[in-house]
Amino acid sequence: MESVAELVEPERLRLLSTKTSLEEGAAIAHSGAVHLTVNHTYEVSARVTTGTALMIVTLKSGLNGLTWSCTCWESLSQPNNPCPHCIAAALVAWEKSSRFHR
């Protein structure tokens, strides 16, 4: 089974998401709004704060690949597409992992 970091490598994220979510997620990640609360091999959880809103994101690696969840309305209404908050958490998790492996 692949780790979350492997599953959220930026090239793979491009295949999972829309261009808009990728751009918004990258902006959120670069703003410092993502705080990883769990950063394990097969599970990542984060608190993502945008404006006055707080979202809780979970990314998990399983036998069927990557699963994600977020408490935002977009994720609840479109569960098959990762929202920008999930993308932001994924980018931060991947970046932290890639620094470790360099």
PDB file of N, CA and C in Angstrom:
ATOM      1  N   MET A   1       0.858  -1.175   0.000  1.00  0.00           N
ATOM      2  CA  MET A   1       0.000   0.000   0.000  1.00  0.00           C
ATOM      3  C   MET A   1       0.905   1.239   0.000  1.00  0.00           C
ATOM      4  N   GLU A   2       0.527   2.217  -0.806  1.00  0.00           N
ATOM      5  CA  GLU A   2       1.314   3.444  -0.900  1.00  0.00           C
ATOM      6  C   GLU A   2       1.001   4.386   0.268  1.00  0.00           C
ATOM      7  N   SER A   3       1.979   5.205   0.620  1.00  0.00           N
ATOM      8  CA  SER A   3       1.774   6.189   1.670  1.00  0.00           C
ATOM      9  C   SER A   3       0.931   7.347   1.139  1.00  0.00           C
ATOM     10  N   VAL A   4       0.401   8.136   2.050  1.00  0.00           N
ATOM     11  CA  VAL A   4      -0.340   9.332   1.640  1.00  0.00           C
ATOM     12  C   VAL A   4       0.580  10.240   0.831  1.00  0.00           C
ATOM     13  N   ALA A   5       1.824  10.414   1.292  1.00  0.00           N
ATOM     14  CA  ALA A   5       2.768  11.289   0.581  1.00  0.00           C
ATOM     15  C   ALA A   5       2.959  10.856  -0.870  1.00  0.00           C
ATOM     16  N   GLU A   6       3.052   9.558  -1.107  1.00  0.00           N
ATOM     17  CA  GLU A   6       3.199   9.070  -2.479  1.00  0.00           C
ATOM     18  C   GLU A   6       1.940   9.358  -3.298  1.00  0.00           C
ATOM     19  N   LEU A   7       0.786   9.211  -2.685  1.00  0.00           N
ATOM     20  CA  LEU A   7      -0.480   9.394  -3.392  1.00  0.00           C
ATOM     21  C   LEU A   7      -0.812  10.855  -3.678  1.00  0.00           C
ATOM     22  N   VAL A   8      -0.187  11.779  -2.944  1.00  0.00           N
ATOM     23  CA  VAL A   8      -0.481  13.198  -3.143  1.00  0.00           C
ATOM     24  C   VAL A   8       0.666  13.943  -3.823  1.00  0.00           C
ATOM     25  N   GLU A   9       1.563  13.217  -4.425  1.00  0.00           N
ATOM     26  CA  GLU A   9       2.635  13.849  -5.195  1.00  0.00           C
ATOM     27  C   GLU A   9       1.963  14.780  -6.207  1.00  0.00           C
ATOM     28  N   PRO A  10       2.493  15.994  -6.412  1.00  0.00           N
ATOM     29  CA  PRO A  10       1.797  16.985  -7.238  1.00  0.00           C
ATOM     30  C   PRO A  10       1.319  16.503  -8.610  1.00  0.00           C
ATOM     31  N   GLU A  11       2.096  15.697  -9.297  1.00  0.00           N
ATOM     32  CA  GLU A  11       1.640  15.198 -10.607  1.00  0.00           C
ATOM     33  C   GLU A  11       0.403  14.324 -10.455  1.00  0.00           C
ATOM     34  N   ARG A  12       0.347  13.546  -9.396  1.00  0.00           N
ATOM     35  CA  ARG A  12      -0.828  12.696  -9.168  1.00  0.00           C
ATOM     36  C   ARG A  12      -2.036  13.530  -8.760  1.00  0.00           C
ATOM     37  N   LEU A  13      -1.804  14.605  -7.991  1.00  0.00           N
ATOM     38  CA  LEU A  13      -2.915  15.479  -7.606  1.00  0.00           C
ATOM     39  C   LEU A  13      -3.571  16.104  -8.822  1.00  0.00           C
ATOM     40  N   ARG A  14      -2.778  16.424  -9.828  1.00  0.00           N
ATOM     41  CA  ARG A  14      -3.330  17.030 -11.050  1.00  0.00           C
ATOM     42  C   ARG A  14      -4.342  16.103 -11.723  1.00  0.00           C
ATOM     43  N   LEU A  15      -4.132  14.807 -11.573  1.00  0.00           N
ATOM     44  CA  LEU A  15      -5.052  13.835 -12.175  1.00  0.00           C
ATOM     45  C   LEU A  15      -6.348  13.669 -11.373  1.00  0.00           C
ATOM     46  N   LEU A  16      -6.280  14.024 -10.087  1.00  0.00           N
ATOM     47  CA  LEU A  16      -7.431  13.827  -9.202  1.00  0.00           C
ATOM     48  C   LEU A  16      -8.346  15.035  -9.102  1.00  0.00           C
ATOM     49  N   SER A  17      -7.858  16.202  -9.479  1.00  0.00           N
ATOM     50  CA  SER A  17      -8.559  17.423  -9.153  1.00  0.00           C
ATOM     51  C   SER A  17      -8.785  18.319 -10.354  1.00  0.00           C
ATOM     52  N   THR A  18      -9.592  19.347 -10.130  1.00  0.00           N
ATOM     53  CA  THR A  18      -9.806  20.358 -11.154  1.00  0.00           C
ATOM     54  C   THR A  18      -8.700  21.409 -11.066  1.00  0.00           C
ATOM     55  N   LYS A  19      -8.508  22.136 -12.144  1.00  0.00           N
ATOM     56  CA  LYS A  19      -7.506  23.193 -12.174  1.00  0.00           C
ATOM     57  C   LYS A  19      -7.804  24.251 -11.109  1.00  0.00           C
ATOM     58  N   THR A  20      -9.067  24.594 -10.951  1.00  0.00           N
ATOM     59  CA  THR A  20      -9.465  25.604  -9.965  1.00  0.00           C
ATOM     60  C   THR A  20      -9.124  25.157  -8.547  1.00  0.00           C
ATOM     61  N   SER A  21      -9.462  23.921  -8.205  1.00  0.00           N
ATOM     62  CA  SER A  21      -9.145  23.409  -6.867  1.00  0.00           C
ATOM     63  C   SER A  21      -7.643  23.362  -6.635  1.00  0.00           C
ATOM     64  N   LEU A  22      -6.890  22.982  -7.664  1.00  0.00           N
ATOM     65  CA  LEU A  22      -5.430  22.955  -7.531  1.00  0.00           C
ATOM     66  C   LEU A  22      -4.874  24.343  -7.265  1.00  0.00           C
ATOM     67  N   GLU A  23      -5.344  25.328  -8.022  1.00  0.00           N
ATOM     68  CA  GLU A  23      -4.848  26.701  -7.848  1.00  0.00           C
ATOM     69  C   GLU A  23      -5.246  27.258  -6.482  1.00  0.00           C
ATOM     70  N   GLU A  24      -6.495  27.066  -6.098  1.00  0.00           N
ATOM     71  CA  GLU A  24      -6.956  27.559  -4.795  1.00  0.00           C
ATOM     72  C   GLU A  24      -6.254  26.825  -3.656  1.00  0.00           C
ATOM     73  N   GLY A  25      -6.072  25.513  -3.810  1.00  0.00           N
ATOM     74  CA  GLY A  25      -5.379  24.728  -2.786  1.00  0.00           C
ATOM     75  C   GLY A  25      -3.932  25.155  -2.624  1.00  0.00           C
ATOM     76  N   ALA A  26      -3.257  25.430  -3.733  1.00  0.00           N
ATOM     77  CA  ALA A  26      -1.863  25.879  -3.667  1.00  0.00           C
ATOM     78  C   ALA A  26      -1.780  27.225  -2.952  1.00  0.00           C
ATOM     79  N   ALA A  27      -2.720  28.124  -3.241  1.00  0.00           N
ATOM     80  CA  ALA A  27      -2.727  29.435  -2.580  1.00  0.00           C
ATOM     81  C   ALA A  27      -2.948  29.281  -1.073  1.00  0.00           C
ATOM     82  N   ILE A  28      -3.856  28.403  -0.691  1.00  0.00           N
ATOM     83  CA  ILE A  28      -4.116  28.158   0.732  1.00  0.00           C
ATOM     84  C   ILE A  28      -2.867  27.578   1.397  1.00  0.00           C
ATOM     85  N   ALA A  29      -2.246  26.603   0.746  1.00  0.00           N
ATOM     86  CA  ALA A  29      -1.037  25.981   1.308  1.00  0.00           C
ATOM     87  C   ALA A  29       0.072  26.999   1.494  1.00  0.00           C
ATOM     88  N   HIS A  30       0.280  27.843   0.506  1.00  0.00           N
ATOM     89  CA  HIS A  30       1.362  28.833   0.567  1.00  0.00           C
ATOM     90  C   HIS A  30       1.068  29.964   1.545  1.00  0.00           C
ATOM     91  N   SER A  31      -0.198  30.134   1.927  1.00  0.00           N
ATOM     92  CA  SER A  31      -0.555  31.207   2.865  1.00  0.00           C
ATOM     93  C   SER A  31      -0.243  30.841   4.309  1.00  0.00           C
ATOM     94  N   GLY A  32       0.073  29.572   4.552  1.00  0.00           N
ATOM     95  CA  GLY A  32       0.348  29.130   5.918  1.00  0.00           C
ATOM     96  C   GLY A  32      -0.902  28.755   6.690  1.00  0.00           C
ATOM     97  N   ALA A  33      -2.012  28.558   6.005  1.00  0.00           N
ATOM     98  CA  ALA A  33      -3.292  28.279   6.660  1.00  0.00           C
ATOM     99  C   ALA A  33      -3.484  26.815   7.044  1.00  0.00           C
ATOM    100  N   VAL A  34      -2.516  25.953   6.706  1.00  0.00           N
ATOM    101  CA  VAL A  34      -2.652  24.515   6.964  1.00  0.00           C
ATOM    102  C   VAL A  34      -1.787  24.113   8.154  1.00  0.00           C
ATOM    103  N   HIS A  35      -2.415  23.488   9.141  1.00  0.00           N
ATOM    104  CA  HIS A  35      -1.695  22.958  10.291  1.00  0.00           C
ATOM    105  C   HIS A  35      -1.956  21.456  10.358  1.00  0.00           C
ATOM    106  N   LEU A  36      -0.923  20.663  10.096  1.00  0.00           N
ATOM    107  CA  LEU A  36      -1.083  19.207  10.157  1.00  0.00           C
ATOM    108  C   LEU A  36      -1.210  18.785  11.612  1.00  0.00           C
ATOM    109  N   THR A  37      -2.258  18.054  11.930  1.00  0.00           N
ATOM    110  CA  THR A  37      -2.460  17.565  13.291  1.00  0.00           C
ATOM    111  C   THR A  37      -2.073  16.100  13.415  1.00  0.00           C
ATOM    112  N   VAL A  38      -2.140  15.370  12.314  1.00  0.00           N
ATOM    113  CA  VAL A  38      -1.679  13.984  12.226  1.00  0.00           C
ATOM    114  C   VAL A  38      -0.917  13.875  10.919  1.00  0.00           C
ATOM    115  N   ASN A  39       0.293  13.359  10.969  1.00  0.00           N
ATOM    116  CA  ASN A  39       1.089  13.203   9.749  1.00  0.00           C
ATOM    117  C   ASN A  39       1.780  11.846   9.796  1.00  0.00           C
ATOM    118  N   HIS A  40       0.989  10.818   9.550  1.00  0.00           N
ATOM    119  CA  HIS A  40       1.492   9.450   9.564  1.00  0.00           C
ATOM    120  C   HIS A  40       1.583   8.917   8.138  1.00  0.00           C
ATOM    121  N   THR A  41       2.188   7.798   7.984  1.00  0.00           N
ATOM    122  CA  THR A  41       2.397   7.211   6.673  1.00  0.00           C
ATOM    123  C   THR A  41       1.100   7.028   5.904  1.00  0.00           C
ATOM    124  N   TYR A  42       0.069   6.522   6.561  1.00  0.00           N
ATOM    125  CA  TYR A  42      -1.169   6.194   5.861  1.00  0.00           C
ATOM    126  C   TYR A  42      -2.352   7.096   6.211  1.00  0.00           C
ATOM    127  N   GLU A  43      -2.117   8.118   7.023  1.00  0.00           N
ATOM    128  CA  GLU A  43      -3.190   9.054   7.371  1.00  0.00           C
ATOM    129  C   GLU A  43      -2.605  10.429   7.689  1.00  0.00           C
ATOM    130  N   VAL A  44      -3.247  11.440   7.139  1.00  0.00           N
ATOM    131  CA  VAL A  44      -2.891  12.831   7.418  1.00  0.00           C
ATOM    132  C   VAL A  44      -4.176  13.558   7.779  1.00  0.00           C
ATOM    133  N   SER A  45      -4.135  14.311   8.863  1.00  0.00           N
ATOM    134  CA  SER A  45      -5.258  15.171   9.239  1.00  0.00           C
ATOM    135  C   SER A  45      -4.720  16.579   9.383  1.00  0.00           C
ATOM    136  N   ALA A  46      -5.569  17.552   9.069  1.00  0.00           N
ATOM    137  CA  ALA A  46      -5.139  18.943   9.138  1.00  0.00           C
ATOM    138  C   ALA A  46      -6.293  19.846   9.516  1.00  0.00           C
ATOM    139  N   ARG A  47      -5.916  20.975  10.116  1.00  0.00           N
ATOM    140  CA  ARG A  47      -6.834  22.076  10.346  1.00  0.00           C
ATOM    141  C   ARG A  47      -6.473  23.126   9.308  1.00  0.00           C
ATOM    142  N   VAL A  48      -7.458  23.550   8.536  1.00  0.00           N
ATOM    143  CA  VAL A  48      -7.232  24.541   7.479  1.00  0.00           C
ATOM    144  C   VAL A  48      -8.117  25.741   7.793  1.00  0.00           C
ATOM    145  N   THR A  49      -7.482  26.889   7.986  1.00  0.00           N
ATOM    146  CA  THR A  49      -8.206  28.098   8.335  1.00  0.00           C
ATOM    147  C   THR A  49      -8.147  29.076   7.170  1.00  0.00           C
ATOM    148  N   THR A  50      -9.317  29.444   6.665  1.00  0.00           N
ATOM    149  CA  THR A  50      -9.394  30.457   5.616  1.00  0.00           C
ATOM    150  C   THR A  50     -10.368  31.521   6.094  1.00  0.00           C
ATOM    151  N   GLY A  51      -9.867  32.732   6.232  1.00  0.00           N
ATOM    152  CA  GLY A  51     -10.702  33.790   6.789  1.00  0.00           C
ATOM    153  C   GLY A  51     -11.080  33.427   8.214  1.00  0.00           C
ATOM    154  N   THR A  52     -12.369  33.371   8.490  1.00  0.00           N
ATOM    155  CA  THR A  52     -12.826  32.994   9.829  1.00  0.00           C
ATOM    156  C   THR A  52     -13.314  31.550   9.878  1.00  0.00           C
ATOM    157  N   ALA A  53     -13.205  30.843   8.767  1.00  0.00           N
ATOM    158  CA  ALA A  53     -13.702  29.463   8.698  1.00  0.00           C
ATOM    159  C   ALA A  53     -12.583  28.464   9.012  1.00  0.00           C
ATOM    160  N   LEU A  54     -12.937  27.438   9.749  1.00  0.00           N
ATOM    161  CA  LEU A  54     -12.007  26.352  10.071  1.00  0.00           C
ATOM    162  C   LEU A  54     -12.549  25.063   9.480  1.00  0.00           C
ATOM    163  N   MET A  55     -11.725  24.405   8.652  1.00  0.00           N
ATOM    164  CA  MET A  55     -12.099  23.124   8.070  1.00  0.00           C
ATOM    165  C   MET A  55     -11.173  22.044   8.629  1.00  0.00           C
ATOM    166  N   ILE A  56     -11.727  20.865   8.800  1.00  0.00           N
ATOM    167  CA  ILE A  56     -10.949  19.702   9.219  1.00  0.00           C
ATOM    168  C   ILE A  56     -10.854  18.776   8.014  1.00  0.00           C
ATOM    169  N   VAL A  57      -9.623  18.432   7.647  1.00  0.00           N
ATOM    170  CA  VAL A  57      -9.348  17.606   6.471  1.00  0.00           C
ATOM    171  C   VAL A  57      -8.700  16.301   6.916  1.00  0.00           C
ATOM    172  N   THR A  58      -9.093  15.209   6.286  1.00  0.00           N
ATOM    173  CA  THR A  58      -8.449  13.919   6.513  1.00  0.00           C
ATOM    174  C   THR A  58      -8.130  13.291   5.163  1.00  0.00           C
ATOM    175  N   LEU A  59      -6.898  12.844   5.019  1.00  0.00           N
ATOM    176  CA  LEU A  59      -6.443  12.119   3.828  1.00  0.00           C
ATOM    177  C   LEU A  59      -5.985  10.750   4.295  1.00  0.00           C
ATOM    178  N   LYS A  60      -6.442   9.700   3.619  1.00  0.00           N
ATOM    179  CA  LYS A  60      -6.064   8.341   4.017  1.00  0.00           C
ATOM    180  C   LYS A  60      -5.647   7.525   2.806  1.00  0.00           C
ATOM    181  N   SER A  61      -4.655   6.693   3.016  1.00  0.00           N
ATOM    182  CA  SER A  61      -4.233   5.724   2.018  1.00  0.00           C
ATOM    183  C   SER A  61      -4.866   4.386   2.374  1.00  0.00           C
ATOM    184  N   GLY A  62      -5.456   3.755   1.377  1.00  0.00           N
ATOM    185  CA  GLY A  62      -6.070   2.453   1.607  1.00  0.00           C
ATOM    186  C   GLY A  62      -5.812   1.539   0.429  1.00  0.00           C
ATOM    187  N   LEU A  63      -6.392   0.391   0.456  1.00  0.00           N
ATOM    188  CA  LEU A  63      -6.192  -0.581  -0.617  1.00  0.00           C
ATOM    189  C   LEU A  63      -6.673  -0.055  -1.961  1.00  0.00           C
ATOM    190  N   ASN A  64      -7.644   0.857  -1.942  1.00  0.00           N
ATOM    191  CA  ASN A  64      -8.174   1.426  -3.186  1.00  0.00           C
ATOM    192  C   ASN A  64      -7.585   2.796  -3.503  1.00  0.00           C
ATOM    193  N   GLY A  65      -6.486   3.159  -2.861  1.00  0.00           N
ATOM    194  CA  GLY A  65      -5.845   4.443  -3.139  1.00  0.00           C
ATOM    195  C   GLY A  65      -6.183   5.488  -2.095  1.00  0.00           C
ATOM    196  N   LEU A  66      -6.221   6.736  -2.529  1.00  0.00           N
ATOM    197  CA  LEU A  66      -6.412   7.878  -1.644  1.00  0.00           C
ATOM    198  C   LEU A  66      -7.892   8.168  -1.422  1.00  0.00           C
ATOM    199  N   THR A  67      -8.244   8.396  -0.168  1.00  0.00           N
ATOM    200  CA  THR A  67      -9.574   8.914   0.166  1.00  0.00           C
ATOM    201  C   THR A  67      -9.374  10.213   0.930  1.00  0.00           C
ATOM    202  N   TRP A  68     -10.335  11.104   0.824  1.00  0.00           N
ATOM    203  CA  TRP A  68     -10.229  12.393   1.485  1.00  0.00           C
ATOM    204  C   TRP A  68     -11.588  12.799   2.009  1.00  0.00           C
ATOM    205  N   SER A  69     -11.551  13.660   3.025  1.00  0.00           N
ATOM    206  CA  SER A  69     -12.784  14.258   3.527  1.00  0.00           C
ATOM    207  C   SER A  69     -12.450  15.642   4.069  1.00  0.00           C
ATOM    208  N   CYS A  70     -13.434  16.513   4.023  1.00  0.00           N
ATOM    209  CA  CYS A  70     -13.297  17.867   4.530  1.00  0.00           C
ATOM    210  C   CYS A  70     -14.657  18.300   5.052  1.00  0.00           C
ATOM    211  N   THR A  71     -14.642  19.164   6.031  1.00  0.00           N
ATOM    212  CA  THR A  71     -15.895  19.628   6.619  1.00  0.00           C
ATOM    213  C   THR A  71     -16.502  20.816   5.877  1.00  0.00           C
ATOM    214  N   CYS A  72     -15.905  21.234   4.759  1.00  0.00           N
ATOM    215  CA  CYS A  72     -16.452  22.366   4.013  1.00  0.00           C
ATOM    216  C   CYS A  72     -17.677  21.938   3.198  1.00  0.00           C
ATOM    217  N   TRP A  73     -18.478  22.919   2.811  1.00  0.00           N
ATOM    218  CA  TRP A  73     -19.692  22.638   2.034  1.00  0.00           C
ATOM    219  C   TRP A  73     -19.361  22.045   0.672  1.00  0.00           C
ATOM    220  N   GLU A  74     -18.262  22.503   0.049  1.00  0.00           N
ATOM    221  CA  GLU A  74     -17.904  22.019  -1.286  1.00  0.00           C
ATOM    222  C   GLU A  74     -17.614  20.520  -1.265  1.00  0.00           C
ATOM    223  N   SER A  75     -16.884  20.087  -0.257  1.00  0.00           N
ATOM    224  CA  SER A  75     -16.554  18.665  -0.141  1.00  0.00           C
ATOM    225  C   SER A  75     -17.801  17.830   0.120  1.00  0.00           C
ATOM    226  N   LEU A  76     -18.700  18.377   0.903  1.00  0.00           N
ATOM    227  CA  LEU A  76     -19.936  17.653   1.197  1.00  0.00           C
ATOM    228  C   LEU A  76     -20.838  17.545  -0.025  1.00  0.00           C
ATOM    229  N   SER A  77     -20.815  18.575  -0.883  1.00  0.00           N
ATOM    230  CA  SER A  77     -21.685  18.562  -2.058  1.00  0.00           C
ATOM    231  C   SER A  77     -21.060  17.859  -3.260  1.00  0.00           C
ATOM    232  N   GLN A  78     -19.730  17.734  -3.278  1.00  0.00           N
ATOM    233  CA  GLN A  78     -19.023  17.078  -4.382  1.00  0.00           C
ATOM    234  C   GLN A  78     -17.991  16.093  -3.831  1.00  0.00           C
ATOM    235  N   PRO A  79     -18.432  15.006  -3.222  1.00  0.00           N
ATOM    236  CA  PRO A  79     -17.504  14.098  -2.527  1.00  0.00           C
ATOM    237  C   PRO A  79     -16.505  13.379  -3.440  1.00  0.00           C
ATOM    238  N   ASN A  80     -16.718  13.368  -4.742  1.00  0.00           N
ATOM    239  CA  ASN A  80     -15.794  12.668  -5.646  1.00  0.00           C
ATOM    240  C   ASN A  80     -14.629  13.529  -6.098  1.00  0.00           C
ATOM    241  N   ASN A  81     -14.656  14.817  -5.772  1.00  0.00           N
ATOM    242  CA  ASN A  81     -13.579  15.724  -6.158  1.00  0.00           C
ATOM    243  C   ASN A  81     -12.973  16.343  -4.912  1.00  0.00           C
ATOM    244  N   PRO A  82     -11.662  16.296  -4.755  1.00  0.00           N
ATOM    245  CA  PRO A  82     -11.064  16.930  -3.573  1.00  0.00           C
ATOM    246  C   PRO A  82     -11.224  18.451  -3.640  1.00  0.00           C
ATOM    247  N   CYS A  83     -11.654  19.031  -2.534  1.00  0.00           N
ATOM    248  CA  CYS A  83     -11.832  20.476  -2.456  1.00  0.00           C
ATOM    249  C   CYS A  83     -10.460  21.149  -2.301  1.00  0.00           C
ATOM    250  N   PRO A  84     -10.407  22.472  -2.421  1.00  0.00           N
ATOM    251  CA  PRO A  84      -9.132  23.176  -2.260  1.00  0.00           C
ATOM    252  C   PRO A  84      -8.473  22.943  -0.893  1.00  0.00           C
ATOM    253  N   HIS A  85      -9.274  22.728   0.152  1.00  0.00           N
ATOM    254  CA  HIS A  85      -8.704  22.486   1.480  1.00  0.00           C
ATOM    255  C   HIS A  85      -7.976  21.146   1.521  1.00  0.00           C
ATOM    256  N   CYS A  86      -8.550  20.138   0.868  1.00  0.00           N
ATOM    257  CA  CYS A  86      -7.887  18.832   0.768  1.00  0.00           C
ATOM    258  C   CYS A  86      -6.597  18.949  -0.042  1.00  0.00           C
ATOM    259  N   ILE A  87      -6.654  19.703  -1.126  1.00  0.00           N
ATOM    260  CA  ILE A  87      -5.466  19.910  -1.952  1.00  0.00           C
ATOM    261  C   ILE A  87      -4.386  20.613  -1.137  1.00  0.00           C
ATOM    262  N   ALA A  88      -4.770  21.649  -0.389  1.00  0.00           N
ATOM    263  CA  ALA A  88      -3.807  22.384   0.433  1.00  0.00           C
ATOM    264  C   ALA A  88      -3.145  21.468   1.456  1.00  0.00           C
ATOM    265  N   ALA A  89      -3.939  20.659   2.140  1.00  0.00           N
ATOM    266  CA  ALA A  89      -3.385  19.732   3.129  1.00  0.00           C
ATOM    267  C   ALA A  89      -2.468  18.714   2.450  1.00  0.00           C
ATOM    268  N   ALA A  90      -2.871  18.234   1.280  1.00  0.00           N
ATOM    269  CA  ALA A  90      -2.059  17.274   0.543  1.00  0.00           C
ATOM    270  C   ALA A  90      -0.715  17.878   0.146  1.00  0.00           C
ATOM    271  N   LEU A  91      -0.727  19.106  -0.326  1.00  0.00           N
ATOM    272  CA  LEU A  91       0.521  19.759  -0.733  1.00  0.00           C
ATOM    273  C   LEU A  91       1.463  19.968   0.444  1.00  0.00           C
ATOM    274  N   VAL A  92       0.918  20.363   1.584  1.00  0.00           N
ATOM    275  CA  VAL A  92       1.753  20.556   2.774  1.00  0.00           C
ATOM    276  C   VAL A  92       2.314  19.214   3.244  1.00  0.00           C
ATOM    277  N   ALA A  93       1.491  18.182   3.258  1.00  0.00           N
ATOM    278  CA  ALA A  93       1.962  16.860   3.671  1.00  0.00           C
ATOM    279  C   ALA A  93       3.041  16.350   2.733  1.00  0.00           C
ATOM    280  N   TRP A  94       2.845  16.528   1.433  1.00  0.00           N
ATOM    281  CA  TRP A  94       3.841  16.073   0.464  1.00  0.00           C
ATOM    282  C   TRP A  94       5.145  16.847   0.630  1.00  0.00           C
ATOM    283  N   GLU A  95       5.036  18.157   0.809  1.00  0.00           N
ATOM    284  CA  GLU A  95       6.241  18.970   0.972  1.00  0.00           C
ATOM    285  C   GLU A  95       7.023  18.557   2.216  1.00  0.00           C
ATOM    286  N   LYS A  96       6.350  18.347   3.316  1.00  0.00           N
ATOM    287  CA  LYS A  96       7.030  17.918   4.542  1.00  0.00           C
ATOM    288  C   LYS A  96       7.680  16.549   4.338  1.00  0.00           C
ATOM    289  N   SER A  97       7.004  15.660   3.647  1.00  0.00           N
ATOM    290  CA  SER A  97       7.550  14.332   3.377  1.00  0.00           C
ATOM    291  C   SER A  97       8.741  14.397   2.446  1.00  0.00           C
ATOM    292  N   SER A  98       8.651  15.236   1.410  1.00  0.00           N
ATOM    293  CA  SER A  98       9.746  15.305   0.431  1.00  0.00           C
ATOM    294  C   SER A  98      10.996  15.916   1.050  1.00  0.00           C
ATOM    295  N   ARG A  99      10.843  16.829   2.004  1.00  0.00           N
ATOM    296  CA  ARG A  99      12.003  17.365   2.710  1.00  0.00           C
ATOM    297  C   ARG A  99      12.692  16.280   3.507  1.00  0.00           C
ATOM    298  N   PHE A 100      11.900  15.402   4.094  1.00  0.00           N
ATOM    299  CA  PHE A 100      12.450  14.326   4.898  1.00  0.00           C
ATOM    300  C   PHE A 100      13.246  13.341   4.046  1.00  0.00           C
ATOM    301  N   HIS A 101      12.817  13.116   2.818  1.00  0.00           N
ATOM    302  CA  HIS A 101      13.437  12.114   1.958  1.00  0.00           C
ATOM    303  C   HIS A 101      14.542  12.642   1.072  1.00  0.00           C
ATOM    304  N   ARG A 102      14.890  13.904   1.158  1.00  0.00           N
ATOM    305  CA  ARG A 102      15.948  14.457   0.297  1.00  0.00           C
ATOM    306  C   ARG A 102      17.302  14.084   0.797  1.00  0.00           C
TER     307      ARG A 102
END
